[in-house]
């Protein structure tokens, strides 16, 4: 018997991670942050000083890396035994991850790893193509978005709270550029599944989004 899956897709900064983790906790289900997988590849590439044009070396690093996900009060991601959680949220990491995600060989390597997270009692899968590609047979799908302005404001606030220098206009520009790359890439572009529930979180609280998603499951 296949475990049930809830997919939550959408652009960067829409609140997918927070909503997905809260929903998974309330349901008692497993959690997959597919974005962390690609961001981990980006960090591995940076650590190995690999040029983004060197596809064969990127593929080798992707094949060799060992990832661990620990969900306590917050998500902890380990790359080859080293905690990389703090590096995952950096804008530079996100930009590289978006480019790496467009490489077919890398997507093929990581696809099965993501599918292996499907275990009972259920899985909440957060990403950009969870409902359209990885778990296209999922019974419950959500597409969570927000305006670029709202997403930039949220990201700016997060960085400032962490005492990281940030520029709101630059963040908005990077978000829009990443959206463009994600929607226009050849392999598994960012798109809403035809059977997904559309939620615009621009003027919603996290709790109200969580409730709407839980109502879908119910």
N, C-alpha and C. Protein backbone atom coordinates (compact mmCIF):
# COMPACT_ATOMS: atom_id res chain seq x y z
N UNK A 1 0.84 -1.20 0.00
CA UNK A 1 0.00 0.00 0.00
C UNK A 1 0.88 1.26 0.00
N UNK A 2 0.64 2.15 -0.98
CA UNK A 2 1.41 3.38 -1.05
C UNK A 2 0.93 4.36 0.01
N UNK A 3 1.88 5.00 0.68
CA UNK A 3 1.53 5.99 1.70
C UNK A 3 0.90 7.21 1.03
N UNK A 4 -0.08 7.86 1.69
CA UNK A 4 -0.67 9.07 1.12
C UNK A 4 0.34 10.21 1.06
N UNK A 5 0.18 11.08 0.08
CA UNK A 5 1.09 12.21 -0.10
C UNK A 5 0.31 13.50 -0.27
N UNK A 6 0.76 14.55 0.41
CA UNK A 6 0.26 15.90 0.19
C UNK A 6 1.41 16.69 -0.41
N UNK A 7 1.22 17.23 -1.61
CA UNK A 7 2.26 18.04 -2.23
C UNK A 7 1.93 19.52 -2.06
N UNK A 8 2.96 20.31 -1.73
CA UNK A 8 2.79 21.76 -1.63
C UNK A 8 3.87 22.40 -2.50
N UNK A 9 3.46 22.86 -3.66
CA UNK A 9 4.37 23.48 -4.61
C UNK A 9 4.16 24.98 -4.65
N UNK A 10 5.14 25.69 -5.23
CA UNK A 10 5.02 27.13 -5.38
C UNK A 10 6.38 27.78 -5.48
N UNK A 11 6.41 29.08 -5.77
CA UNK A 11 7.68 29.79 -5.92
C UNK A 11 8.38 30.02 -4.59
N UNK A 12 9.64 30.42 -4.67
CA UNK A 12 10.44 30.69 -3.49
C UNK A 12 9.84 31.83 -2.67
N UNK A 13 9.81 31.65 -1.35
CA UNK A 13 9.34 32.71 -0.46
C UNK A 13 7.85 32.77 -0.24
N UNK A 14 7.12 31.77 -0.74
CA UNK A 14 5.66 31.79 -0.59
C UNK A 14 5.22 31.24 0.77
N UNK A 15 6.16 30.68 1.53
CA UNK A 15 5.83 30.13 2.85
C UNK A 15 5.63 28.63 2.84
N UNK A 16 6.06 27.96 1.76
CA UNK A 16 5.85 26.51 1.63
C UNK A 16 6.49 25.73 2.77
N UNK A 17 7.73 26.09 3.11
CA UNK A 17 8.46 25.34 4.14
C UNK A 17 7.76 25.37 5.48
N UNK A 18 7.42 26.58 5.94
CA UNK A 18 6.77 26.73 7.24
C UNK A 18 5.42 26.02 7.26
N UNK A 19 4.62 26.25 6.22
CA UNK A 19 3.30 25.64 6.14
C UNK A 19 3.41 24.12 6.09
N UNK A 20 4.33 23.61 5.27
CA UNK A 20 4.50 22.16 5.12
C UNK A 20 4.90 21.50 6.42
N UNK A 21 5.85 22.10 7.13
CA UNK A 21 6.31 21.51 8.40
C UNK A 21 5.20 21.51 9.45
N UNK A 22 4.43 22.60 9.51
CA UNK A 22 3.33 22.68 10.49
C UNK A 22 2.24 21.65 10.16
N UNK A 23 1.92 21.51 8.88
CA UNK A 23 0.91 20.53 8.46
C UNK A 23 1.39 19.12 8.76
N UNK A 24 2.65 18.83 8.44
CA UNK A 24 3.22 17.50 8.69
C UNK A 24 3.18 17.17 10.19
N UNK A 25 3.48 18.17 11.01
CA UNK A 25 3.47 17.97 12.46
C UNK A 25 2.06 17.68 12.97
N UNK A 26 1.08 18.43 12.46
CA UNK A 26 -0.30 18.24 12.90
C UNK A 26 -0.85 16.88 12.45
N UNK A 27 -0.41 16.43 11.27
CA UNK A 27 -0.89 15.15 10.74
C UNK A 27 -0.08 13.96 11.27
N UNK A 28 1.14 14.25 11.79
CA UNK A 28 2.03 13.17 12.22
C UNK A 28 2.66 12.46 11.04
N UNK A 29 2.83 13.19 9.92
CA UNK A 29 3.39 12.60 8.71
C UNK A 29 4.87 12.95 8.56
N UNK A 30 5.54 12.24 7.66
CA UNK A 30 6.92 12.55 7.33
C UNK A 30 6.96 13.83 6.51
N UNK A 31 8.15 14.42 6.41
CA UNK A 31 8.29 15.69 5.70
C UNK A 31 9.47 15.65 4.73
N UNK A 32 9.25 16.13 3.52
CA UNK A 32 10.31 16.23 2.52
C UNK A 32 10.42 17.67 2.04
N UNK A 33 11.57 18.27 2.25
CA UNK A 33 11.86 19.61 1.75
C UNK A 33 12.76 19.43 0.53
N UNK A 34 12.14 19.32 -0.65
CA UNK A 34 12.92 19.05 -1.85
C UNK A 34 13.87 20.20 -2.18
N UNK A 35 13.48 21.42 -1.78
CA UNK A 35 14.35 22.56 -2.02
C UNK A 35 15.68 22.42 -1.30
N UNK A 36 15.66 21.81 -0.10
CA UNK A 36 16.89 21.61 0.65
C UNK A 36 17.81 20.63 -0.07
N UNK A 37 17.22 19.68 -0.78
CA UNK A 37 18.02 18.71 -1.53
C UNK A 37 18.83 19.42 -2.60
N UNK A 38 18.16 20.27 -3.37
CA UNK A 38 18.86 21.00 -4.42
C UNK A 38 19.81 22.04 -3.86
N UNK A 39 19.42 22.66 -2.75
CA UNK A 39 20.31 23.63 -2.11
C UNK A 39 21.55 22.93 -1.54
N UNK A 40 21.37 21.69 -1.08
CA UNK A 40 22.51 20.92 -0.58
C UNK A 40 23.50 20.62 -1.70
N UNK A 41 22.98 20.32 -2.88
CA UNK A 41 23.84 20.12 -4.05
C UNK A 41 24.61 21.40 -4.34
N UNK A 42 23.92 22.54 -4.24
CA UNK A 42 24.56 23.83 -4.50
C UNK A 42 25.72 24.06 -3.52
N UNK A 43 25.50 23.72 -2.25
CA UNK A 43 26.55 23.89 -1.23
C UNK A 43 27.71 22.94 -1.51
N UNK A 44 27.40 21.70 -1.90
CA UNK A 44 28.44 20.72 -2.22
C UNK A 44 29.30 21.21 -3.39
N UNK A 45 28.65 21.84 -4.37
CA UNK A 45 29.36 22.38 -5.53
C UNK A 45 30.28 23.52 -5.11
N UNK A 46 29.77 24.39 -4.24
CA UNK A 46 30.58 25.51 -3.76
C UNK A 46 31.78 25.02 -2.96
N UNK A 47 31.56 24.01 -2.09
CA UNK A 47 32.64 23.48 -1.27
C UNK A 47 33.73 22.85 -2.13
N UNK A 48 33.32 22.27 -3.25
CA UNK A 48 34.28 21.60 -4.14
C UNK A 48 34.84 22.55 -5.20
N UNK A 49 34.41 23.84 -5.14
CA UNK A 49 34.87 24.86 -6.09
C UNK A 49 34.68 24.43 -7.55
N UNK A 50 33.49 23.92 -7.85
CA UNK A 50 33.19 23.45 -9.20
C UNK A 50 32.50 24.56 -10.00
N UNK A 51 32.93 24.72 -11.25
CA UNK A 51 32.32 25.69 -12.15
C UNK A 51 30.93 25.21 -12.55
N UNK A 52 29.97 26.13 -12.58
CA UNK A 52 28.60 25.74 -12.89
C UNK A 52 28.43 25.22 -14.32
N UNK A 53 29.44 25.44 -15.15
CA UNK A 53 29.38 24.93 -16.51
C UNK A 53 29.92 23.52 -16.65
N UNK A 54 30.54 23.02 -15.57
CA UNK A 54 31.13 21.68 -15.60
C UNK A 54 30.10 20.63 -15.15
N UNK A 55 29.25 20.22 -16.07
CA UNK A 55 28.14 19.33 -15.75
C UNK A 55 28.61 17.98 -15.20
N UNK A 56 29.66 17.41 -15.79
CA UNK A 56 30.14 16.08 -15.36
C UNK A 56 30.61 16.09 -13.92
N UNK A 57 31.28 17.16 -13.48
CA UNK A 57 31.74 17.25 -12.10
C UNK A 57 30.57 17.48 -11.14
N UNK A 58 29.60 18.26 -11.59
CA UNK A 58 28.41 18.50 -10.77
C UNK A 58 27.67 17.18 -10.55
N UNK A 59 27.56 16.37 -11.60
CA UNK A 59 26.90 15.06 -11.51
C UNK A 59 27.64 14.15 -10.53
N UNK A 60 28.97 14.16 -10.58
CA UNK A 60 29.79 13.32 -9.67
C UNK A 60 29.55 13.71 -8.22
N UNK A 61 29.54 15.01 -7.95
CA UNK A 61 29.32 15.50 -6.58
C UNK A 61 27.93 15.12 -6.09
N UNK A 62 26.95 15.23 -6.98
CA UNK A 62 25.57 14.89 -6.63
C UNK A 62 25.44 13.41 -6.28
N UNK A 63 26.09 12.56 -7.06
CA UNK A 63 26.05 11.12 -6.81
C UNK A 63 26.72 10.75 -5.50
N UNK A 64 27.81 11.45 -5.18
CA UNK A 64 28.63 11.08 -4.01
C UNK A 64 28.10 11.62 -2.68
N UNK A 65 27.32 12.69 -2.72
CA UNK A 65 26.93 13.32 -1.46
C UNK A 65 25.94 12.48 -0.65
N UNK A 66 26.08 12.57 0.66
CA UNK A 66 25.19 11.86 1.59
C UNK A 66 24.41 12.90 2.38
N UNK A 67 23.08 12.83 2.28
CA UNK A 67 22.22 13.79 2.96
C UNK A 67 21.45 13.16 4.10
N UNK A 68 21.32 13.92 5.19
CA UNK A 68 20.51 13.49 6.34
C UNK A 68 19.56 14.63 6.71
N UNK A 69 18.30 14.28 6.97
CA UNK A 69 17.30 15.26 7.39
C UNK A 69 16.84 14.91 8.79
N UNK A 70 16.97 15.85 9.71
CA UNK A 70 16.53 15.64 11.09
C UNK A 70 15.46 16.69 11.40
N UNK A 71 14.26 16.24 11.70
CA UNK A 71 13.17 17.16 12.03
C UNK A 71 12.93 17.15 13.53
N UNK A 72 13.41 18.17 14.21
CA UNK A 72 13.13 18.34 15.63
C UNK A 72 12.17 19.53 15.73
N UNK A 73 12.55 20.58 16.46
CA UNK A 73 11.74 21.79 16.48
C UNK A 73 11.84 22.51 15.13
N UNK A 74 12.99 22.33 14.51
CA UNK A 74 13.20 22.91 13.19
C UNK A 74 13.94 21.87 12.34
N UNK A 75 13.96 22.09 11.04
CA UNK A 75 14.62 21.15 10.14
C UNK A 75 16.13 21.32 10.22
N UNK A 76 16.83 20.19 10.37
CA UNK A 76 18.30 20.19 10.33
C UNK A 76 18.73 19.34 9.15
N UNK A 77 19.58 19.92 8.31
CA UNK A 77 20.08 19.20 7.13
C UNK A 77 21.58 19.01 7.26
N UNK A 78 22.03 17.78 7.06
CA UNK A 78 23.45 17.47 7.12
C UNK A 78 23.94 16.98 5.78
N UNK A 79 25.06 17.53 5.34
CA UNK A 79 25.70 17.12 4.09
C UNK A 79 27.01 16.44 4.44
N UNK A 80 27.09 15.15 4.13
CA UNK A 80 28.28 14.36 4.46
C UNK A 80 28.66 14.51 5.94
N UNK A 81 27.61 14.50 6.79
CA UNK A 81 27.82 14.55 8.24
C UNK A 81 27.97 15.94 8.83
N UNK A 82 27.99 16.98 8.00
CA UNK A 82 28.19 18.35 8.48
C UNK A 82 26.87 19.13 8.39
N UNK A 83 26.52 19.80 9.47
CA UNK A 83 25.28 20.60 9.51
C UNK A 83 25.42 21.81 8.59
N UNK A 84 24.59 21.85 7.56
CA UNK A 84 24.65 22.96 6.59
C UNK A 84 23.38 23.81 6.64
N UNK A 85 22.56 23.61 7.66
CA UNK A 85 21.26 24.28 7.75
C UNK A 85 21.35 25.79 7.58
N UNK A 86 22.34 26.43 8.23
CA UNK A 86 22.47 27.89 8.18
C UNK A 86 22.82 28.40 6.79
N UNK A 87 23.45 27.54 5.98
CA UNK A 87 23.86 27.96 4.63
C UNK A 87 22.74 27.80 3.60
N UNK A 88 21.72 27.00 3.95
CA UNK A 88 20.65 26.69 3.00
C UNK A 88 19.85 27.92 2.59
N UNK A 89 19.66 28.86 3.52
CA UNK A 89 18.81 30.01 3.25
C UNK A 89 19.50 31.18 2.57
N UNK A 90 20.80 31.08 2.32
CA UNK A 90 21.51 32.19 1.68
C UNK A 90 21.03 32.39 0.25
N UNK A 91 20.97 33.64 -0.18
CA UNK A 91 20.52 33.95 -1.54
C UNK A 91 21.44 33.31 -2.58
N UNK A 92 22.75 33.31 -2.30
CA UNK A 92 23.71 32.72 -3.25
C UNK A 92 23.45 31.23 -3.42
N UNK A 93 23.10 30.56 -2.32
CA UNK A 93 22.79 29.12 -2.38
C UNK A 93 21.53 28.89 -3.22
N UNK A 94 20.51 29.72 -3.01
CA UNK A 94 19.26 29.57 -3.74
C UNK A 94 19.44 29.81 -5.23
N UNK A 95 20.25 30.78 -5.58
CA UNK A 95 20.47 31.08 -6.99
C UNK A 95 21.19 29.94 -7.71
N UNK A 96 22.19 29.35 -7.05
CA UNK A 96 22.91 28.21 -7.64
C UNK A 96 21.99 27.00 -7.72
N UNK A 97 21.20 26.78 -6.67
CA UNK A 97 20.28 25.63 -6.64
C UNK A 97 19.29 25.70 -7.80
N UNK A 98 18.81 26.90 -8.09
CA UNK A 98 17.85 27.08 -9.18
C UNK A 98 18.48 26.71 -10.52
N UNK A 99 19.75 27.05 -10.70
CA UNK A 99 20.45 26.71 -11.95
C UNK A 99 20.76 25.22 -12.02
N UNK A 100 21.17 24.64 -10.89
CA UNK A 100 21.48 23.21 -10.83
C UNK A 100 20.23 22.37 -11.10
N UNK A 101 19.08 22.85 -10.62
CA UNK A 101 17.83 22.11 -10.78
C UNK A 101 17.42 21.97 -12.25
N UNK A 102 18.04 22.76 -13.12
CA UNK A 102 17.72 22.69 -14.55
C UNK A 102 18.57 21.64 -15.28
N UNK A 103 19.49 20.99 -14.57
CA UNK A 103 20.35 19.98 -15.20
C UNK A 103 19.67 18.61 -15.14
N UNK A 104 19.31 18.01 -16.28
CA UNK A 104 18.57 16.74 -16.30
C UNK A 104 19.25 15.61 -15.53
N UNK A 105 20.58 15.50 -15.64
CA UNK A 105 21.29 14.42 -14.97
C UNK A 105 21.18 14.52 -13.45
N UNK A 106 21.23 15.74 -12.95
CA UNK A 106 21.11 15.97 -11.50
C UNK A 106 19.69 15.63 -11.04
N UNK A 107 18.69 16.04 -11.82
CA UNK A 107 17.30 15.77 -11.47
C UNK A 107 17.06 14.26 -11.42
N UNK A 108 17.66 13.52 -12.36
CA UNK A 108 17.46 12.08 -12.41
C UNK A 108 18.03 11.40 -11.16
N UNK A 109 19.20 11.85 -10.72
CA UNK A 109 19.85 11.27 -9.54
C UNK A 109 19.00 11.51 -8.28
N UNK A 110 18.46 12.73 -8.17
CA UNK A 110 17.73 13.11 -6.96
C UNK A 110 16.27 12.67 -6.94
N UNK A 111 15.75 12.31 -8.12
CA UNK A 111 14.33 11.94 -8.21
C UNK A 111 13.99 10.74 -7.32
N UNK A 112 14.78 9.67 -7.41
CA UNK A 112 14.48 8.47 -6.64
C UNK A 112 14.63 8.72 -5.14
N UNK A 113 15.63 9.53 -4.80
CA UNK A 113 15.85 9.85 -3.38
C UNK A 113 14.61 10.52 -2.79
N UNK A 114 14.00 11.40 -3.58
CA UNK A 114 12.79 12.08 -3.11
C UNK A 114 11.63 11.09 -2.98
N UNK A 115 11.50 10.20 -3.95
CA UNK A 115 10.41 9.22 -3.92
C UNK A 115 10.53 8.27 -2.72
N UNK A 116 11.76 8.05 -2.27
CA UNK A 116 11.99 7.14 -1.14
C UNK A 116 11.45 7.69 0.18
N UNK A 117 11.13 8.98 0.21
CA UNK A 117 10.57 9.58 1.42
C UNK A 117 9.11 9.18 1.62
N UNK A 118 8.49 8.59 0.62
CA UNK A 118 7.08 8.20 0.70
C UNK A 118 6.92 6.98 1.59
N UNK A 119 6.62 7.22 2.85
CA UNK A 119 6.47 6.15 3.83
C UNK A 119 5.24 6.42 4.69
N UNK A 120 4.65 5.35 5.21
CA UNK A 120 3.50 5.47 6.11
C UNK A 120 3.90 6.16 7.40
N UNK A 121 3.03 6.94 8.03
CA UNK A 121 1.60 7.08 7.73
C UNK A 121 1.29 8.04 6.58
N UNK A 122 2.28 8.82 6.12
CA UNK A 122 2.05 9.74 5.02
C UNK A 122 3.21 10.69 4.87
N UNK A 123 3.18 11.47 3.80
CA UNK A 123 4.28 12.40 3.51
C UNK A 123 3.74 13.75 3.05
N UNK A 124 4.33 14.82 3.61
CA UNK A 124 4.08 16.16 3.10
C UNK A 124 5.34 16.55 2.32
N UNK A 125 5.18 16.74 1.00
CA UNK A 125 6.31 17.04 0.13
C UNK A 125 6.24 18.49 -0.35
N UNK A 126 7.29 19.24 -0.04
CA UNK A 126 7.35 20.67 -0.33
C UNK A 126 8.36 20.93 -1.45
N UNK A 127 7.93 21.63 -2.51
CA UNK A 127 8.87 21.91 -3.58
C UNK A 127 8.28 22.73 -4.71
N UNK A 128 8.77 22.46 -5.92
CA UNK A 128 8.29 23.17 -7.10
C UNK A 128 7.64 22.25 -8.11
N UNK A 129 7.97 20.96 -8.03
CA UNK A 129 7.39 20.01 -8.99
C UNK A 129 6.93 18.72 -8.30
N UNK A 130 6.59 18.84 -7.02
CA UNK A 130 6.16 17.66 -6.27
C UNK A 130 4.83 17.11 -6.83
N UNK A 131 3.90 18.00 -7.14
CA UNK A 131 2.59 17.57 -7.62
C UNK A 131 2.53 17.30 -9.10
N UNK A 132 3.47 17.87 -9.86
CA UNK A 132 3.46 17.69 -11.32
C UNK A 132 4.37 16.57 -11.79
N UNK A 133 5.45 16.29 -11.04
CA UNK A 133 6.45 15.30 -11.49
C UNK A 133 6.69 14.19 -10.47
N UNK A 134 7.24 14.57 -9.31
CA UNK A 134 7.71 13.57 -8.34
C UNK A 134 6.58 12.72 -7.79
N UNK A 135 5.50 13.37 -7.35
CA UNK A 135 4.34 12.64 -6.82
C UNK A 135 3.08 13.06 -7.59
N UNK A 136 3.12 12.86 -8.89
CA UNK A 136 1.99 13.28 -9.75
C UNK A 136 0.71 12.52 -9.43
N UNK A 137 0.85 11.37 -8.72
CA UNK A 137 -0.33 10.56 -8.36
C UNK A 137 -0.88 10.91 -6.98
N UNK A 138 -0.31 11.94 -6.34
CA UNK A 138 -0.76 12.33 -4.99
C UNK A 138 -2.24 12.73 -5.02
N UNK A 139 -2.96 12.33 -3.98
CA UNK A 139 -4.40 12.65 -3.91
C UNK A 139 -4.66 14.10 -3.52
N UNK A 140 -3.74 14.68 -2.76
CA UNK A 140 -3.93 16.05 -2.29
C UNK A 140 -2.76 16.93 -2.73
N UNK A 141 -3.10 18.01 -3.45
CA UNK A 141 -2.07 18.90 -3.97
C UNK A 141 -2.44 20.37 -3.71
N UNK A 142 -1.40 21.15 -3.39
CA UNK A 142 -1.60 22.58 -3.14
C UNK A 142 -0.56 23.35 -3.95
N UNK A 143 -0.97 24.48 -4.52
CA UNK A 143 -0.02 25.41 -5.13
C UNK A 143 -0.10 26.69 -4.32
N UNK A 144 0.98 26.97 -3.58
CA UNK A 144 1.02 28.11 -2.66
C UNK A 144 1.90 29.21 -3.23
N UNK A 145 1.34 30.39 -3.38
CA UNK A 145 2.12 31.49 -3.95
C UNK A 145 1.87 32.78 -3.18
N UNK A 146 2.55 33.84 -3.59
CA UNK A 146 2.36 35.19 -3.03
C UNK A 146 3.03 36.14 -4.02
N UNK A 147 2.70 37.42 -3.94
CA UNK A 147 3.29 38.38 -4.86
C UNK A 147 4.80 38.48 -4.63
N UNK A 148 5.54 38.89 -5.66
CA UNK A 148 6.99 39.03 -5.54
C UNK A 148 7.35 40.06 -4.46
N UNK A 149 6.52 41.12 -4.36
CA UNK A 149 6.76 42.15 -3.34
C UNK A 149 6.67 41.58 -1.94
N UNK A 150 5.61 40.80 -1.68
CA UNK A 150 5.41 40.20 -0.36
C UNK A 150 6.53 39.22 -0.04
N UNK A 151 6.90 38.41 -1.03
CA UNK A 151 7.95 37.41 -0.80
C UNK A 151 9.29 38.08 -0.52
N UNK A 152 9.57 39.18 -1.20
CA UNK A 152 10.81 39.92 -0.98
C UNK A 152 10.83 40.53 0.42
N UNK A 153 9.69 41.08 0.85
CA UNK A 153 9.58 41.67 2.19
C UNK A 153 9.83 40.62 3.27
N UNK A 154 9.25 39.43 3.08
CA UNK A 154 9.43 38.34 4.06
C UNK A 154 10.90 37.92 4.14
N UNK A 155 11.52 37.79 2.96
CA UNK A 155 12.93 37.36 2.92
C UNK A 155 13.82 38.41 3.56
N UNK A 156 13.54 39.67 3.26
CA UNK A 156 14.32 40.78 3.81
C UNK A 156 14.24 40.77 5.35
N UNK A 157 13.03 40.58 5.86
CA UNK A 157 12.82 40.55 7.31
C UNK A 157 13.59 39.40 7.95
N UNK A 158 13.57 38.23 7.30
CA UNK A 158 14.30 37.06 7.82
C UNK A 158 15.80 37.34 7.92
N UNK A 159 16.35 37.93 6.87
CA UNK A 159 17.79 38.21 6.83
C UNK A 159 18.19 39.25 7.87
N UNK A 160 17.37 40.30 7.98
CA UNK A 160 17.66 41.36 8.96
C UNK A 160 17.61 40.82 10.39
N UNK A 161 16.63 39.93 10.65
CA UNK A 161 16.52 39.32 11.98
C UNK A 161 17.74 38.46 12.31
N UNK A 162 18.37 37.91 11.26
CA UNK A 162 19.58 37.11 11.45
C UNK A 162 20.84 37.97 11.39
N UNK A 163 20.63 39.30 11.34
CA UNK A 163 21.72 40.28 11.27
C UNK A 163 22.59 40.07 10.03
N UNK A 164 21.92 39.74 8.92
CA UNK A 164 22.60 39.59 7.63
C UNK A 164 22.23 40.80 6.78
N UNK A 165 23.24 41.48 6.23
CA UNK A 165 22.99 42.65 5.39
C UNK A 165 22.11 42.26 4.20
N UNK A 166 21.13 43.09 3.89
CA UNK A 166 20.22 42.78 2.79
C UNK A 166 19.67 44.05 2.17
N UNK A 167 19.32 43.95 0.89
CA UNK A 167 18.74 45.07 0.16
C UNK A 167 17.42 44.60 -0.44
N UNK A 168 16.34 45.27 -0.08
CA UNK A 168 15.00 44.83 -0.48
C UNK A 168 14.84 44.79 -2.01
N UNK A 169 15.31 45.82 -2.69
CA UNK A 169 15.18 45.88 -4.15
C UNK A 169 15.95 44.75 -4.82
N UNK A 170 17.14 44.46 -4.30
CA UNK A 170 17.97 43.38 -4.85
C UNK A 170 17.29 42.03 -4.65
N UNK A 171 16.73 41.82 -3.46
CA UNK A 171 16.05 40.56 -3.17
C UNK A 171 14.85 40.37 -4.10
N UNK A 172 14.08 41.43 -4.31
CA UNK A 172 12.92 41.35 -5.21
C UNK A 172 13.36 41.01 -6.63
N UNK A 173 14.43 41.64 -7.07
CA UNK A 173 14.95 41.38 -8.42
C UNK A 173 15.42 39.94 -8.56
N UNK A 174 16.09 39.42 -7.52
CA UNK A 174 16.58 38.04 -7.56
C UNK A 174 15.41 37.04 -7.55
N UNK A 175 14.37 37.34 -6.78
CA UNK A 175 13.19 36.48 -6.71
C UNK A 175 12.51 36.41 -8.08
N UNK A 176 12.36 37.57 -8.73
CA UNK A 176 11.72 37.61 -10.04
C UNK A 176 12.54 36.86 -11.09
N UNK A 177 13.88 37.00 -11.01
CA UNK A 177 14.75 36.31 -11.96
C UNK A 177 14.68 34.80 -11.74
N UNK A 178 14.62 34.39 -10.47
CA UNK A 178 14.54 32.95 -10.15
C UNK A 178 13.19 32.38 -10.60
N UNK A 179 12.13 33.14 -10.40
CA UNK A 179 10.80 32.70 -10.87
C UNK A 179 10.84 32.43 -12.37
N UNK A 180 11.47 33.37 -13.09
CA UNK A 180 11.57 33.25 -14.55
C UNK A 180 12.31 31.98 -14.95
N UNK A 181 13.46 31.74 -14.30
CA UNK A 181 14.26 30.54 -14.61
C UNK A 181 13.46 29.28 -14.30
N UNK A 182 12.79 29.29 -13.14
CA UNK A 182 12.06 28.09 -12.71
C UNK A 182 10.87 27.78 -13.61
N UNK A 183 10.21 28.83 -14.10
CA UNK A 183 9.04 28.61 -14.95
C UNK A 183 9.40 28.29 -16.39
N UNK A 184 10.58 28.74 -16.82
CA UNK A 184 10.95 28.58 -18.23
C UNK A 184 11.91 27.41 -18.49
N UNK A 185 12.41 26.77 -17.42
CA UNK A 185 13.36 25.68 -17.64
C UNK A 185 12.68 24.51 -18.36
N UNK A 186 13.49 23.76 -19.11
CA UNK A 186 12.97 22.67 -19.92
C UNK A 186 12.45 21.52 -19.07
N UNK A 187 13.19 21.17 -18.03
CA UNK A 187 12.85 20.00 -17.23
C UNK A 187 12.05 20.39 -15.99
N UNK A 188 10.85 19.83 -15.89
CA UNK A 188 9.98 20.03 -14.72
C UNK A 188 9.89 21.49 -14.31
N UNK A 189 9.40 22.36 -15.17
CA UNK A 189 9.27 23.77 -14.81
C UNK A 189 8.26 23.98 -13.69
N UNK A 190 8.41 25.10 -12.97
CA UNK A 190 7.45 25.44 -11.93
C UNK A 190 6.09 25.67 -12.57
N UNK A 191 5.12 24.86 -12.18
CA UNK A 191 3.77 24.99 -12.73
C UNK A 191 2.79 24.41 -11.74
N UNK A 192 1.55 24.88 -11.79
CA UNK A 192 0.52 24.35 -10.89
C UNK A 192 -0.11 23.11 -11.51
N UNK A 193 -0.18 22.04 -10.73
CA UNK A 193 -0.86 20.83 -11.20
C UNK A 193 -2.33 21.15 -11.45
N UNK A 194 -2.90 20.54 -12.47
CA UNK A 194 -4.29 20.84 -12.85
C UNK A 194 -5.28 20.50 -11.73
N UNK A 195 -4.89 19.57 -10.84
CA UNK A 195 -5.78 19.16 -9.76
C UNK A 195 -5.36 19.72 -8.40
N UNK A 196 -4.58 20.81 -8.41
CA UNK A 196 -4.10 21.40 -7.15
C UNK A 196 -5.01 22.52 -6.66
N UNK A 197 -5.04 22.71 -5.34
CA UNK A 197 -5.75 23.83 -4.73
C UNK A 197 -4.83 25.05 -4.77
N UNK A 198 -5.28 26.15 -5.35
CA UNK A 198 -4.49 27.37 -5.47
C UNK A 198 -4.70 28.25 -4.24
N UNK A 199 -3.58 28.64 -3.59
CA UNK A 199 -3.66 29.52 -2.42
C UNK A 199 -2.68 30.67 -2.60
N UNK A 200 -3.17 31.90 -2.54
CA UNK A 200 -2.33 33.10 -2.57
C UNK A 200 -2.20 33.59 -1.14
N UNK A 201 -0.99 33.49 -0.59
CA UNK A 201 -0.77 33.80 0.83
C UNK A 201 -0.37 35.25 1.09
N UNK A 202 -0.43 36.08 0.04
CA UNK A 202 0.03 37.48 0.17
C UNK A 202 -0.58 38.19 1.38
N UNK A 203 -1.87 38.01 1.59
CA UNK A 203 -2.55 38.71 2.69
C UNK A 203 -3.12 37.73 3.71
N UNK A 204 -2.49 36.57 3.82
CA UNK A 204 -2.94 35.55 4.79
C UNK A 204 -1.88 35.30 5.85
N UNK A 205 -2.33 34.92 7.05
CA UNK A 205 -1.38 34.51 8.09
C UNK A 205 -0.99 33.05 7.84
N UNK A 206 0.12 32.64 8.43
CA UNK A 206 0.57 31.25 8.30
C UNK A 206 -0.50 30.30 8.81
N UNK A 207 -1.11 30.63 9.96
CA UNK A 207 -2.11 29.76 10.56
C UNK A 207 -3.33 29.58 9.66
N UNK A 208 -3.74 30.65 8.98
CA UNK A 208 -4.91 30.54 8.11
C UNK A 208 -4.60 29.68 6.88
N UNK A 209 -3.35 29.76 6.40
CA UNK A 209 -2.94 28.90 5.27
C UNK A 209 -2.92 27.44 5.71
N UNK A 210 -2.37 27.20 6.89
CA UNK A 210 -2.30 25.83 7.43
C UNK A 210 -3.71 25.25 7.55
N UNK A 211 -4.64 26.04 8.07
CA UNK A 211 -6.03 25.57 8.23
C UNK A 211 -6.66 25.23 6.88
N UNK A 212 -6.38 26.05 5.88
CA UNK A 212 -6.95 25.79 4.55
C UNK A 212 -6.40 24.49 3.97
N UNK A 213 -5.10 24.25 4.19
CA UNK A 213 -4.49 23.02 3.70
C UNK A 213 -5.04 21.80 4.45
N UNK A 214 -5.20 21.93 5.75
CA UNK A 214 -5.73 20.83 6.56
C UNK A 214 -7.18 20.52 6.16
N UNK A 215 -7.93 21.54 5.81
CA UNK A 215 -9.31 21.33 5.37
C UNK A 215 -9.35 20.51 4.08
N UNK A 216 -8.34 20.72 3.23
CA UNK A 216 -8.24 19.93 1.99
C UNK A 216 -8.05 18.45 2.33
N UNK A 217 -7.17 18.17 3.28
CA UNK A 217 -6.90 16.79 3.70
C UNK A 217 -8.15 16.17 4.32
N UNK A 218 -8.83 16.93 5.15
CA UNK A 218 -10.04 16.43 5.82
C UNK A 218 -11.14 16.11 4.83
